[in-house]
Amino acid sequence: MKLLFVCLGNICRSPIADGVMRKLAQDANLNWVIDSAGTSNYHIGEAPDIRAQRIAQKYNVDLSILKARQFSVNDFDEFDYIFAMDSQNYQDIIKLARDENDILKVELFLNRLDPGMNRGVTDPWFNDVLFEPVFLEIEKTCKVILKDMRDE
């Protein structure tokens, strides 16, 4: 299984999902490919936001090896599932799709937790207190994704 998580800058939400899913897959002895990207080029090469790293460490998830990168059309070929963290990033990814097969790989991340609700993960960038609830929502959703993928 190859999973990609995508937000705007690839320094908060998507690296948290990347780190959480890596840990869940590793703990389950699954040889999955997990990665994250941003639709923007704002933070290419940067480590995840220090606030994201701190909250992840609190829950024994290590984000220190991750570096921000920009989503590319090649990601449609590399990944089985592409999870957009909100509707704007979903739309930005879909705009790059070459065909229906590309589009079918993309879904809103939180629709795995709350099917059909089309909610986006809150961007914690502007409010430090949001990092923990965002982390916990991402973790809960990643657990659902893990179960869903193992059941397929």
Protein backbone atom coordinates (compact mmCIF):
# COMPACT_ATOMS: atom_id res chain seq x y z
CA MET A 1 0.00 0.00 0.00
CA LYS A 2 1.26 3.47 -0.90
CA LEU A 3 -0.38 6.43 0.82
CA LEU A 4 0.22 10.16 0.36
CA PHE A 5 -1.10 12.91 2.65
CA VAL A 6 -1.34 16.44 1.23
CA CYS A 7 -1.93 19.84 2.81
CA LEU A 8 -0.89 23.34 1.78
CA GLY A 9 2.68 23.75 3.02
CA ASN A 10 3.55 20.21 4.15
CA ILE A 11 4.73 21.40 7.55
CA CYS A 12 1.72 20.83 9.86
CA ARG A 13 -1.20 18.59 8.98
CA SER A 14 0.19 16.29 6.29
CA PRO A 15 3.47 15.56 8.11
CA ILE A 16 1.49 14.71 11.24
CA ALA A 17 -0.61 12.26 9.19
CA ASP A 18 2.57 10.93 7.56
CA GLY A 19 4.26 10.33 10.92
CA VAL A 20 1.19 8.82 12.59
CA MET A 21 0.52 6.46 9.67
CA ARG A 22 4.19 5.42 9.49
CA LYS A 23 4.08 4.51 13.18
CA LEU A 24 0.78 2.64 12.86
CA ALA A 25 2.00 0.70 9.83
CA GLN A 26 5.32 -0.10 11.52
CA ASP A 27 3.59 -1.23 14.72
CA ALA A 28 1.38 -3.51 12.58
CA ASN A 29 4.42 -4.89 10.69
CA LEU A 30 3.13 -3.56 7.39
CA ASN A 31 5.56 -2.69 4.64
CA TRP A 32 3.66 0.35 3.39
CA VAL A 33 5.04 3.41 1.64
CA ILE A 34 3.89 6.56 3.45
CA ASP A 35 4.70 10.12 2.38
CA SER A 36 3.37 13.65 2.54
CA ALA A 37 3.46 16.73 0.32
CA GLY A 38 2.11 20.25 0.01
CA THR A 39 0.24 21.82 -2.86
CA SER A 40 2.32 24.99 -2.44
CA ASN A 41 6.06 25.50 -2.75
CA TYR A 42 6.28 27.68 0.38
CA HIS A 43 8.33 25.35 2.57
CA ILE A 44 10.19 22.93 0.26
CA GLY A 45 13.04 21.26 2.15
CA GLU A 46 11.95 22.49 5.57
CA ALA A 47 11.32 20.29 8.60
CA PRO A 48 7.78 20.10 9.97
CA ASP A 49 6.67 23.04 12.12
CA ILE A 50 8.26 22.77 15.58
CA ARG A 51 4.79 22.82 17.17
CA ALA A 52 3.77 19.81 15.07
CA GLN A 53 6.98 18.04 16.06
CA ARG A 54 6.43 18.75 19.75
CA ILE A 55 2.86 17.45 19.83
CA ALA A 56 3.85 14.39 17.80
CA GLN A 57 6.69 13.64 20.22
CA LYS A 58 4.21 13.84 23.10
CA TYR A 59 2.42 10.89 21.46
CA ASN A 60 5.64 9.02 20.53
CA VAL A 61 5.51 9.93 16.86
CA ASP A 62 8.78 11.13 15.31
CA LEU A 63 8.53 13.72 12.52
CA SER A 64 12.20 14.71 12.57
CA ILE A 65 13.17 12.84 9.38
CA LEU A 66 10.46 14.50 7.29
CA LYS A 67 11.13 17.37 4.87
CA ALA A 68 8.49 19.38 3.03
CA ARG A 69 8.05 18.79 -0.67
CA GLN A 70 5.57 19.91 -3.28
CA PHE A 71 2.94 17.62 -4.75
CA SER A 72 3.64 16.69 -8.36
CA VAL A 73 1.76 14.98 -11.18
CA ASN A 74 4.13 12.00 -10.75
CA ASP A 75 2.53 11.36 -7.35
CA PHE A 76 -0.53 10.03 -9.16
CA ASP A 77 1.70 7.25 -10.53
CA GLU A 78 3.53 6.59 -7.26
CA PHE A 79 0.64 6.30 -4.80
CA ASP A 80 -2.47 4.15 -4.43
CA TYR A 81 -4.32 6.73 -2.31
CA ILE A 82 -3.87 10.49 -2.04
CA PHE A 83 -5.51 12.07 0.99
CA ALA A 84 -6.18 15.82 0.85
CA MET A 85 -6.39 17.46 4.24
CA ASP A 86 -9.04 20.00 3.15
CA SER A 87 -11.25 20.89 0.21
CA GLN A 88 -8.98 23.59 -1.23
CA ASN A 89 -6.05 21.19 -1.40
CA TYR A 90 -8.38 18.55 -2.82
CA GLN A 91 -9.32 20.94 -5.63
CA ASP A 92 -5.67 21.90 -6.23
CA ILE A 93 -4.72 18.22 -6.56
CA ILE A 94 -7.67 17.42 -8.85
CA LYS A 95 -6.65 20.28 -11.16
CA LEU A 96 -3.40 18.39 -11.82
CA ALA A 97 -5.14 15.09 -12.58
CA ARG A 98 -4.55 13.78 -16.08
CA ASP A 99 -7.51 11.44 -16.21
CA GLU A 100 -10.27 9.75 -14.24
CA ASN A 101 -7.85 7.20 -12.76
CA ASP A 102 -5.87 10.03 -11.15
CA ILE A 103 -9.05 11.60 -9.77
CA LEU A 104 -10.21 8.28 -8.27
CA LYS A 105 -7.05 8.11 -6.12
CA VAL A 106 -7.84 11.40 -4.35
CA GLU A 107 -10.15 11.76 -1.38
CA LEU A 108 -10.71 14.09 1.53
CA PHE A 109 -8.85 12.70 4.53
CA LEU A 110 -11.62 13.18 7.10
CA ASN A 111 -14.18 11.40 4.92
CA ARG A 112 -12.64 8.19 6.24
CA LEU A 113 -13.62 9.26 9.77
CA ASP A 114 -16.92 10.93 8.86
CA PRO A 115 -18.02 9.59 5.46
CA GLY A 116 -19.67 12.12 3.20
CA MET A 117 -19.24 15.06 5.57
CA ASN A 118 -16.51 16.63 3.40
CA ARG A 119 -14.86 18.31 6.37
CA GLY A 120 -11.30 19.55 6.25
CA VAL A 121 -8.68 19.17 8.94
CA THR A 122 -8.38 22.52 10.71
CA ASP A 123 -5.10 24.24 9.89
CA PRO A 124 -3.40 24.83 13.27
CA TRP A 125 -0.76 27.19 11.83
CA PHE A 126 -2.30 30.37 13.30
CA ASN A 127 -3.26 29.00 16.72
CA ASP A 128 -0.88 26.98 18.90
CA VAL A 129 -3.68 25.44 20.96
CA LEU A 130 -5.09 23.71 17.87
CA PHE A 131 -2.08 21.43 17.37
CA GLU A 132 -3.15 18.84 19.95
CA PRO A 133 -6.81 18.49 18.85
CA VAL A 134 -5.65 18.41 15.22
CA PHE A 135 -3.10 15.71 16.06
CA LEU A 136 -5.74 13.62 17.86
CA GLU A 137 -8.24 13.94 14.98
CA ILE A 138 -5.55 12.94 12.50
CA GLU A 139 -4.51 9.99 14.64
CA LYS A 140 -8.11 8.80 14.94
CA THR A 141 -8.58 9.06 11.17
CA CYS A 142 -5.31 7.26 10.45
CA LYS A 143 -6.48 4.37 12.61
CA VAL A 144 -9.67 4.16 10.53
CA ILE A 145 -7.63 4.24 7.32
CA LEU A 146 -5.36 1.47 8.63
CA LYS A 147 -8.38 -0.68 9.46
CA ASP A 148 -10.04 0.07 6.10
CA MET A 149 -6.89 -0.77 4.12
CA ARG A 150 -6.27 -4.00 6.03
CA ASP A 151 -9.89 -5.06 5.48
CA GLU A 152 -9.70 -4.54 1.69
